Amino acid sequence: MRKYYLLFIALLMSASAVSAQDFTVDSIQYQINTNKEGEVNVWGFTCTSGIVNVPSQVTNPADNKTYTVTGVAGVIPSENWWEDGTPNGFKARTDLKSISLPTTVRVIGNDAFYGSGLTSIYMPADMDSIGNEAFVWCTNLTEVEMPQTLKYLGYNAFTNCTGLTSIAIPQGLTWTAYTPEGVLTRCGNLKEVSLPEDMTAVPKSFFNGCQYLTSVTLPDSVKAIGYQAFLGCLRLKSINFPKKIKEIGNMAFQDCASLRSFAANDSLQKINYWAFKDCYSLRSINISAAVNDIDNQAFAGCDSVTELKVNEANRTYTAKENMLLSKDEKTLFFRLNNGAKILTLPDGLETIGENAVEDENIKVVVMPASIKEVKENALYNNPLLAIHFKGTTPPTIANDMFSGALDGATAFVPRNTAKAYQAVSNLNRFKIEEENALPFIYTDVHPLNKKGSSEKWSDR
């Protein structure tokens, strides 16, 4: 049934997406719907007031035939229309102030009010569909009340409605992590939003760039948070994570600079790439037992985290200080920055994962003898002065791994191993030196000098 309904909507949208009206009555322009006998779509207006009240029925003066008004005509924008500003239907009509639609209207077409000066709209209670990009750049629109009968909400429906401060999303829509996409993208002044109880996902870019949104309450039905769903919500301080959520998408909360904590629910399994990147105010991260797939850069740039915890029942991960490790502590997945200049990796560690460490503060890395592999970008772009390898056998090191190392950087290696380390092509940025008999001192005194040296970090 739904398949045929969507086909009908598509036909209606395409039939109405033409460039001229068929007739005008009382300063309102109409298009005859060629797919539905006896129906017309309202297309535009000619009055100077900018206030449009659409009747439910209208008679064509050319043939005296009466039509029922069932939709707002969609528009196919001309190339670069935004730059040339040419009006087409209601599109780009900055003189449009308000429109009241009759109860007979079921559909608002694609791009119908794109770039118009609309400040308010009345939608009938039985309306079915709002088309793709229907209200994009309606910057004067402050409130929207959508009918509870709505079955289709198009992608980017309210994108760049920068005057919109509150909105309620109705029940009955179909939700996935990708649709409806970008509905409220860059609604920069949105402060209040009511979400339906049957919402099963927060789709791609749904709240992207909603800078004044401070809190969101997700319904218990939500199972996934999509790609860039809350990207750039700078003032978002709190959000709940319902029990059914299993996945947080790429960049879902990137640049949410006011978010202070994250606690995974008991069902969450996957946290994707850059999910919380550059959440500068994030203080605590709590990983639940069910989580088994965290991208190594999920929390990149979260430099204020002071607490990283993993539930003891988790079979995949454990936490040690500011490091997320495999349960057996043999693999480092990522390290959260804490301002330290020396990174001493734990004994027993065998693998440093991709993109595990990226910290401009780190000057020295101490590798335990157990290290076997340093993966791609594991220490990428770190301005290293030195690496201290404790193993007598060099680890496998990915290409261009130490591209951030400073000129003159040194790799200190155990006695009688210099030749073996010199043979590692990916260490060619470093001067290889065997450590001397004196112990290294890892304090505020420069660790690369012999015991008793007075050179400080500030001197480097």
Protein backbone atom coordinates (compact mmCIF):
# COMPACT_ATOMS: atom_id res chain seq x y z
CA MET A 1 0.00 0.00 0.00
CA ARG A 2 2.80 2.38 0.93
CA LYS A 3 4.49 1.72 -2.44
CA TYR A 4 1.44 2.93 -4.34
CA TYR A 5 1.02 5.91 -2.04
CA LEU A 6 4.58 7.09 -2.69
CA LEU A 7 4.10 6.54 -6.43
CA PHE A 8 1.03 8.76 -6.30
CA ILE A 9 2.93 11.46 -4.44
CA ALA A 10 5.76 11.32 -6.99
CA LEU A 11 3.34 11.66 -9.88
CA LEU A 12 1.62 14.59 -8.25
CA MET A 13 4.91 16.32 -7.56
CA SER A 14 6.19 15.86 -11.09
CA ALA A 15 2.91 16.87 -12.70
CA SER A 16 2.88 20.15 -10.79
CA ALA A 17 6.55 20.98 -11.35
CA VAL A 18 6.06 23.13 -14.45
CA SER A 19 6.93 26.74 -15.05
CA ALA A 20 3.63 28.54 -15.62
CA GLN A 21 0.11 28.86 -14.29
CA ASP A 22 -2.98 27.83 -16.29
CA PHE A 23 -5.36 30.49 -14.98
CA THR A 24 -5.74 33.23 -12.37
CA VAL A 25 -8.72 33.96 -10.10
CA ASP A 26 -8.79 36.71 -7.46
CA SER A 27 -5.03 37.30 -7.73
CA ILE A 28 -4.22 33.60 -7.09
CA GLN A 29 -2.61 31.52 -9.83
CA TYR A 30 -3.45 27.83 -10.43
CA GLN A 31 -2.18 24.85 -12.40
CA ILE A 32 -4.49 22.14 -13.63
CA ASN A 33 -3.46 18.71 -12.39
CA THR A 34 -3.30 16.57 -15.52
CA ASN A 35 -3.10 13.37 -13.46
CA LYS A 36 -6.29 13.99 -11.49
CA GLU A 37 -9.52 15.01 -13.13
CA GLY A 38 -11.11 18.07 -11.56
CA GLU A 39 -8.11 19.02 -9.39
CA VAL A 40 -5.74 22.00 -9.43
CA ASN A 41 -2.64 23.06 -7.54
CA VAL A 42 -2.15 26.58 -6.30
CA TRP A 43 0.92 27.99 -8.06
CA GLY A 44 1.45 31.65 -7.19
CA PHE A 45 -0.14 35.04 -6.57
CA THR A 46 -0.33 38.53 -8.01
CA CYS A 47 -1.72 40.55 -5.09
CA THR A 48 0.46 43.24 -3.49
CA SER A 49 -0.41 42.44 0.14
CA GLY A 50 1.58 39.20 0.20
CA ILE A 51 -1.25 37.55 2.16
CA VAL A 52 -2.77 34.58 0.31
CA ASN A 53 -5.95 32.78 1.39
CA VAL A 54 -6.51 29.82 -0.90
CA PRO A 55 -10.10 28.59 -1.41
CA SER A 56 -10.99 24.90 -1.50
CA GLN A 57 -12.61 25.23 -4.92
CA VAL A 58 -12.06 27.57 -7.85
CA THR A 59 -13.77 28.09 -11.23
CA ASN A 60 -11.68 28.51 -14.37
CA PRO A 61 -13.06 31.59 -16.15
CA ALA A 62 -11.97 30.19 -19.53
CA ASP A 63 -14.36 27.21 -19.51
CA ASN A 64 -16.43 27.83 -16.37
CA LYS A 65 -15.26 24.48 -14.93
CA THR A 66 -14.93 24.15 -11.16
CA TYR A 67 -11.84 22.50 -9.68
CA THR A 68 -10.88 21.33 -6.19
CA VAL A 69 -7.58 22.72 -4.87
CA THR A 70 -5.55 19.70 -3.67
CA GLY A 71 -1.92 20.83 -3.63
CA VAL A 72 0.72 23.53 -3.73
CA ALA A 73 2.58 23.23 -7.01
CA GLY A 74 6.18 22.10 -6.93
CA VAL A 75 8.84 24.07 -8.77
CA ILE A 76 11.86 23.10 -10.83
CA PRO A 77 14.39 25.88 -10.03
CA SER A 78 16.21 27.40 -12.96
CA GLU A 79 19.99 27.12 -12.93
CA ASN A 80 21.52 29.68 -10.55
CA TRP A 81 18.05 30.97 -9.68
CA TRP A 82 19.25 32.08 -6.26
CA GLU A 83 21.75 34.44 -7.85
CA ASP A 84 19.38 35.85 -10.47
CA GLY A 85 16.45 35.93 -8.02
CA THR A 86 13.83 35.20 -10.72
CA PRO A 87 10.49 34.34 -9.07
CA ASN A 88 8.74 31.17 -10.18
CA GLY A 89 5.44 30.35 -8.51
CA PHE A 90 5.94 31.03 -4.80
CA LYS A 91 9.67 30.39 -5.12
CA ALA A 92 11.84 33.45 -4.45
CA ARG A 93 8.75 35.58 -3.81
CA THR A 94 10.20 37.63 -0.98
CA ASP A 95 6.96 39.66 -0.93
CA LEU A 96 5.00 36.59 0.25
CA LYS A 97 4.03 37.02 3.91
CA SER A 98 1.52 34.33 4.77
CA ILE A 99 -0.57 31.63 3.17
CA SER A 100 -3.61 29.73 4.42
CA LEU A 101 -4.32 26.42 2.71
CA PRO A 102 -7.80 24.87 2.56
CA THR A 103 -8.71 21.51 4.07
CA THR A 104 -8.71 19.97 0.58
CA VAL A 105 -4.94 20.39 0.15
CA ARG A 106 -2.98 17.15 0.59
CA VAL A 107 0.45 17.97 -0.83
CA ILE A 108 3.03 20.76 -0.75
CA GLY A 109 5.35 20.15 -3.70
CA ASN A 110 9.13 20.08 -3.98
CA ASP A 111 10.76 23.53 -3.65
CA ALA A 112 7.27 25.08 -3.37
CA PHE A 113 8.26 28.00 -1.08
CA TYR A 114 12.04 27.88 -1.61
CA GLY A 115 13.54 31.28 -0.75
CA SER A 116 10.21 33.03 -0.20
CA GLY A 117 9.48 35.71 2.41
CA LEU A 118 6.91 33.49 4.13
CA THR A 119 6.39 34.35 7.82
CA SER A 120 3.53 31.96 8.60
CA ILE A 121 1.60 29.14 6.99
CA TYR A 122 -1.57 27.30 7.90
CA MET A 123 -1.50 23.64 6.91
CA PRO A 124 -4.76 21.68 6.86
CA ALA A 125 -5.26 18.87 9.36
CA ASP A 126 -5.50 16.12 6.72
CA MET A 127 -2.44 16.98 4.66
CA ASP A 128 -0.28 14.01 3.53
CA SER A 129 3.02 15.34 2.23
CA ILE A 130 5.62 18.11 2.41
CA GLY A 131 8.03 17.90 -0.52
CA ASN A 132 11.80 18.02 -0.70
CA GLU A 133 13.28 21.45 0.12
CA ALA A 134 9.77 22.87 0.32
CA PHE A 135 10.69 25.68 2.75
CA VAL A 136 14.46 26.08 2.23
CA TRP A 137 15.72 29.61 2.97
CA CYS A 138 12.36 30.78 4.35
CA THR A 139 14.32 32.87 6.82
CA ASN A 140 11.28 34.79 8.14
CA LEU A 141 9.40 31.65 9.15
CA THR A 142 9.40 31.47 12.98
CA GLU A 143 6.96 28.65 13.81
CA VAL A 144 5.55 25.65 11.97
CA GLU A 145 2.69 23.40 12.97
CA MET A 146 2.57 20.29 10.83
CA PRO A 147 -0.56 18.11 10.61
CA GLN A 148 -0.62 14.81 12.47
CA THR A 149 -1.73 13.03 9.28
CA LEU A 150 1.58 13.72 7.52
CA LYS A 151 3.04 10.61 5.88
CA TYR A 152 5.96 12.11 3.96
CA LEU A 153 8.42 14.82 4.99
CA GLY A 154 10.93 15.59 2.26
CA TYR A 155 14.69 15.97 2.61
CA ASN A 156 15.98 19.42 3.62
CA ALA A 157 12.35 20.51 4.05
CA PHE A 158 13.22 23.41 6.40
CA THR A 159 16.96 23.83 5.74
CA ASN A 160 18.27 27.34 6.45
CA CYS A 161 15.03 28.51 8.05
CA THR A 162 17.15 30.67 10.33
CA GLY A 163 14.17 32.39 11.92
CA LEU A 164 12.56 29.14 13.05
CA THR A 165 12.60 28.91 16.86
CA SER A 166 10.31 25.95 17.55
CA ILE A 167 8.82 23.00 15.69
CA ALA A 168 6.87 19.82 16.45
CA ILE A 169 7.45 16.77 14.24
CA PRO A 170 4.29 14.63 13.85
CA GLN A 171 3.91 10.88 14.23
CA GLY A 172 3.32 8.53 11.33
CA LEU A 173 6.47 9.24 9.29
CA THR A 174 8.91 6.57 8.13
CA TRP A 175 12.30 6.96 9.82
CA THR A 176 15.74 5.59 8.96
CA ALA A 177 19.28 6.77 9.66
CA TYR A 178 19.19 8.46 6.24
CA THR A 179 15.60 9.66 5.79
CA PRO A 180 14.12 12.17 6.04
CA GLU A 181 17.53 13.81 5.59
CA GLY A 182 18.54 17.31 6.69
CA VAL A 183 15.04 18.46 7.65
CA LEU A 184 16.24 21.14 10.10
CA THR A 185 19.79 21.68 8.82
CA ARG A 186 21.21 25.10 9.76
CA CYS A 187 18.07 26.30 11.51
CA GLY A 188 20.44 28.40 13.55
CA ASN A 189 17.89 29.85 15.99
CA LEU A 190 15.91 26.68 16.70
CA LYS A 191 15.53 26.31 20.46
CA GLU A 192 12.61 23.96 20.98
CA VAL A 193 11.72 20.76 19.16
CA SER A 194 9.15 18.10 19.91
CA LEU A 195 9.87 14.67 18.47
CA PRO A 196 7.25 11.95 17.86
CA GLU A 197 7.02 8.86 20.06
CA ASP A 198 7.26 6.55 17.03
CA MET A 199 10.56 8.04 15.79
CA THR A 200 13.02 5.16 15.26
CA ALA A 201 16.08 7.11 14.09
CA VAL A 202 17.55 10.60 14.03
CA PRO A 203 18.32 10.84 10.29
CA LYS A 204 21.36 12.20 8.48
CA SER A 205 21.99 15.92 9.16
CA PHE A 206 18.57 16.30 10.81
CA PHE A 207 19.76 18.93 13.33
CA ASN A 208 23.04 19.83 11.60
CA GLY A 209 24.03 23.40 12.47
CA CYS A 210 21.21 24.12 14.94
CA GLN A 211 23.50 26.32 17.02
CA TYR A 212 20.98 27.45 19.65
CA LEU A 213 19.58 24.03 20.47
CA THR A 214 20.57 23.38 24.09
CA SER A 215 18.82 20.11 24.87
CA VAL A 216 17.00 17.34 23.03
CA THR A 217 14.85 14.56 24.43
CA LEU A 218 14.88 11.55 22.15
CA PRO A 219 11.90 9.20 22.36
CA ASP A 220 12.43 5.67 23.66
CA SER A 221 11.77 4.27 20.18
CA VAL A 222 15.01 5.67 18.67
CA LYS A 223 17.46 2.94 17.62
CA ALA A 224 20.05 4.87 15.60
CA ILE A 225 21.57 8.35 15.30
CA GLY A 226 22.58 9.09 11.73
CA TYR A 227 25.48 10.76 9.94
CA GLN A 228 26.05 14.37 11.11
CA ALA A 229 22.69 14.30 12.90
CA PHE A 230 23.77 16.93 15.47
CA LEU A 231 26.94 18.25 13.79
CA GLY A 232 27.73 21.80 14.89
CA CYS A 233 25.05 22.07 17.58
CA LEU A 234 27.41 24.30 19.52
CA ARG A 235 25.18 24.91 22.54
CA LEU A 236 23.84 21.39 22.97
CA LYS A 237 24.55 20.55 26.59
CA SER A 238 22.42 17.50 27.22
CA ILE A 239 20.84 14.67 25.29
CA ASN A 240 19.47 11.33 26.44
CA PHE A 241 20.47 8.08 24.79
CA PRO A 242 17.42 5.78 24.75
CA LYS A 243 17.81 2.12 25.67
CA LYS A 244 17.24 0.86 22.13
CA ILE A 245 20.00 2.85 20.40
CA LYS A 246 22.50 0.49 18.78
CA GLU A 247 24.58 2.83 16.63
CA ILE A 248 25.84 6.42 16.57
CA GLY A 249 26.75 7.53 13.06
CA ASN A 250 29.79 9.27 11.59
CA MET A 251 30.21 12.85 12.89
CA ALA A 252 26.86 12.59 14.68
CA PHE A 253 27.92 14.99 17.47
CA GLN A 254 31.03 16.56 15.96
CA ASP A 255 31.62 20.12 17.16
CA CYS A 256 28.99 19.90 19.90
CA ALA A 257 31.28 22.10 21.95
CA SER A 258 29.00 22.33 25.01
CA LEU A 259 28.27 18.62 25.48
CA ARG A 260 29.75 17.60 28.83
CA SER A 261 29.24 13.85 29.17
CA PHE A 262 28.53 10.69 27.24
CA ALA A 263 27.19 7.50 28.80
CA ALA A 264 26.48 4.62 26.44
CA ASN A 265 23.26 2.72 27.02
CA ASP A 266 23.13 -1.04 27.49
CA SER A 267 22.17 -1.70 23.85
CA LEU A 268 24.71 0.51 22.09
CA GLN A 269 27.11 -1.51 19.96
CA LYS A 270 28.80 0.87 17.51
CA ILE A 271 30.27 4.39 17.71
CA ASN A 272 31.44 5.56 14.30
CA TYR A 273 34.14 7.81 12.87
CA TRP A 274 34.37 11.29 14.44
CA ALA A 275 31.09 10.68 16.29
CA PHE A 276 32.14 13.11 19.06
CA LYS A 277 35.07 14.86 17.39
CA ASP A 278 36.05 18.22 18.90
CA CYS A 279 33.51 18.09 21.71
CA TYR A 280 35.79 20.36 23.70
CA SER A 281 33.68 20.42 26.88
CA LEU A 282 33.27 16.66 27.15
CA ARG A 283 34.51 15.60 30.59
CA SER A 284 33.46 11.98 30.97
CA ILE A 285 32.99 8.97 28.69
CA ASN A 286 31.34 5.80 29.93
CA ILE A 287 31.32 2.75 27.67
CA SER A 288 28.71 0.09 28.42
CA ALA A 289 29.12 -3.68 28.26
CA ALA A 290 27.49 -4.13 24.84
CA VAL A 291 29.74 -1.75 22.88
CA ASN A 292 32.01 -3.75 20.57
CA ASP A 293 32.94 -1.36 17.73
CA ILE A 294 34.39 2.09 18.44
CA ASP A 295 36.19 3.91 15.66
CA ASN A 296 39.67 4.98 16.76
CA GLN A 297 38.81 8.61 15.99
CA ALA A 298 35.34 8.62 17.50
CA PHE A 299 36.49 10.99 20.27
CA ALA A 300 39.30 12.82 18.44
CA GLY A 301 39.90 16.32 19.78
CA CYS A 302 38.03 15.72 23.04
CA ASP A 303 40.89 17.22 25.01
CA SER A 304 39.01 17.96 28.24
CA VAL A 305 38.05 14.39 29.12
CA THR A 306 39.17 13.51 32.63
CA GLU A 307 37.27 10.26 33.02
CA LEU A 308 37.21 7.32 30.61
CA LYS A 309 35.43 4.24 31.94
CA VAL A 310 34.52 0.89 30.43
CA ASN A 311 32.04 -1.47 32.05
CA GLU A 312 33.90 -4.46 33.49
CA ALA A 313 31.52 -6.81 31.68
CA ASN A 314 32.58 -5.46 28.28
CA ARG A 315 34.31 -8.26 26.36
CA THR A 316 36.00 -6.06 23.76
CA TYR A 317 37.45 -3.03 25.57
CA THR A 318 39.03 -1.84 28.76
CA ALA A 319 40.28 1.58 29.83
CA LYS A 320 43.58 2.50 31.39
CA GLU A 321 44.08 6.11 32.37
CA ASN A 322 43.18 8.03 29.20
CA MET A 323 43.64 5.08 26.84
CA LEU A 324 41.07 2.73 25.31
CA LEU A 325 42.60 -0.72 25.01
CA SER A 326 41.55 -4.17 23.93
CA LYS A 327 40.30 -6.37 26.72
CA ASP A 328 43.64 -8.18 26.87
CA GLU A 329 45.45 -4.80 26.86
CA LYS A 330 47.49 -5.79 23.81
CA THR A 331 46.03 -3.19 21.40
CA LEU A 332 45.74 0.56 21.84
CA PHE A 333 42.68 1.89 19.99
CA PHE A 334 42.96 5.52 21.01
CA ARG A 335 44.45 7.81 23.58
CA LEU A 336 42.68 10.96 24.75
CA ASN A 337 44.90 14.02 24.94
CA ASN A 338 45.80 15.27 28.40
CA GLY A 339 48.57 17.79 27.73
CA ALA A 340 51.43 15.45 28.62
CA LYS A 341 54.65 15.83 26.67
CA ILE A 342 55.79 12.26 27.22
CA LEU A 343 53.70 9.26 26.21
CA THR A 344 54.79 6.08 27.97
CA LEU A 345 52.90 3.15 26.55
CA PRO A 346 52.08 0.29 28.93
CA ASP A 347 54.10 -2.91 29.12
CA GLY A 348 52.43 -5.79 27.32
CA LEU A 349 51.07 -3.60 24.53
CA GLU A 350 51.65 -5.19 21.12
CA THR A 351 49.77 -3.04 18.62
CA ILE A 352 49.12 0.69 18.26
CA GLY A 353 45.96 1.01 16.18
CA GLU A 354 45.22 3.32 13.27
CA ASN A 355 44.90 6.99 14.24
CA ALA A 356 45.36 6.02 17.88
CA VAL A 357 47.41 9.04 18.95
CA GLU A 358 47.32 12.55 17.56
CA ASP A 359 48.52 15.08 20.08
CA GLU A 360 50.56 18.19 19.36
CA ASN A 361 51.80 18.23 22.97
CA ILE A 362 53.67 14.93 22.75
CA LYS A 363 57.40 15.26 22.23
CA VAL A 364 58.56 11.81 23.31
CA VAL A 365 57.04 8.34 22.92
CA VAL A 366 58.33 5.40 24.98
CA MET A 367 57.64 2.05 23.29
CA PRO A 368 57.68 -1.05 25.50
CA ALA A 369 59.62 -4.14 24.45
CA SER A 370 56.33 -5.90 23.69
CA ILE A 371 55.40 -3.63 20.75
CA LYS A 372 55.08 -5.59 17.49
CA GLU A 373 53.15 -3.30 15.15
CA VAL A 374 52.49 0.41 14.69
CA LYS A 375 49.58 0.79 12.27
CA GLU A 376 48.77 3.45 9.72
CA ASN A 377 48.59 6.99 11.11
CA ALA A 378 48.93 5.63 14.64
CA LEU A 379 51.25 8.51 15.58
CA TYR A 380 50.53 10.71 12.60
CA ASN A 381 51.38 14.41 12.74
CA ASN A 382 52.81 14.34 16.25
CA PRO A 383 55.78 16.79 16.49
CA LEU A 384 58.13 14.25 18.04
CA LEU A 385 61.62 14.97 19.30
CA ALA A 386 62.33 11.34 20.10
CA ILE A 387 61.13 7.78 20.35
CA HIS A 388 62.55 5.33 22.84
CA PHE A 389 62.25 1.74 21.62
CA LYS A 390 62.85 -0.83 24.35
CA GLY A 391 62.49 -3.93 22.16
CA THR A 392 65.50 -5.62 20.67
CA THR A 393 63.47 -6.47 17.55
CA PRO A 394 62.04 -3.49 15.63
CA PRO A 395 58.24 -3.47 15.31
CA THR A 396 56.44 -3.39 11.97
CA ILE A 397 55.84 0.29 11.19
CA ALA A 398 53.35 1.57 8.61
CA ASN A 399 54.39 3.98 5.87
CA ASP A 400 54.94 7.66 6.70
CA MET A 401 54.05 6.94 10.28
CA PHE A 402 56.18 9.68 11.82
CA SER A 403 55.64 12.45 9.26
CA GLY A 404 55.21 15.00 12.04
CA ALA A 405 58.58 14.27 13.64
CA LEU A 406 60.77 17.35 13.96
CA ASP A 407 64.07 17.76 12.15
CA GLY A 408 66.86 16.19 14.15
CA ALA A 409 64.55 13.80 16.02
CA THR A 410 66.21 10.76 17.53
CA ALA A 411 65.17 7.13 17.91
CA PHE A 412 66.86 5.60 20.95
CA VAL A 413 67.20 1.83 20.76
CA PRO A 414 68.72 -0.93 22.93
CA ARG A 415 72.41 -1.73 22.71
CA ASN A 416 73.57 -3.69 19.68
CA THR A 417 70.29 -3.08 17.75
CA ALA A 418 71.12 0.08 15.79
CA LYS A 419 71.64 -1.76 12.51
CA ALA A 420 68.31 -3.57 12.80
CA TYR A 421 66.46 -0.32 13.41
CA GLN A 422 68.36 1.51 10.66
CA ALA A 423 67.04 -1.09 8.25
CA VAL A 424 63.46 0.01 8.98
CA SER A 425 62.75 2.42 6.14
CA ASN A 426 59.90 4.11 7.96
CA LEU A 427 62.31 5.32 10.63
CA ASN A 428 64.45 7.23 8.12
CA ARG A 429 63.36 10.58 9.60
CA PHE A 430 65.14 9.69 12.84
CA LYS A 431 68.75 9.57 13.87
CA ILE A 432 69.23 6.11 15.35
CA GLU A 433 71.24 6.03 18.59
CA GLU A 434 71.82 3.21 21.02
CA GLU A 435 70.91 4.05 24.59
CA ASN A 436 73.81 4.40 27.01
CA ALA A 437 74.22 2.63 30.32
CA LEU A 438 72.67 5.48 32.32
CA PRO A 439 68.93 5.32 32.96
CA PHE A 440 66.68 7.76 31.11
CA ILE A 441 64.97 10.36 33.23
CA TYR A 442 61.35 11.12 32.29
CA THR A 443 60.66 14.24 34.31
CA ASP A 444 60.71 17.95 33.54
CA VAL A 445 64.39 17.40 32.72
CA HIS A 446 64.89 16.59 29.05
CA PRO A 447 64.62 12.78 28.82
CA LEU A 448 67.02 12.40 25.96
CA ASN A 449 70.07 13.57 27.88
CA LYS A 450 72.24 11.82 30.37
CA LYS A 451 71.41 11.83 34.03
CA GLY A 452 72.00 15.24 35.53
CA SER A 453 71.33 17.28 32.41
CA SER A 454 69.77 20.66 33.14
CA GLU A 455 68.11 21.21 29.76
CA LYS A 456 64.37 21.80 30.23
CA TRP A 457 61.44 21.19 27.91
CA SER A 458 61.04 24.92 27.57
CA ASP A 459 64.44 25.04 25.92
CA ARG A 460 63.35 22.84 23.03
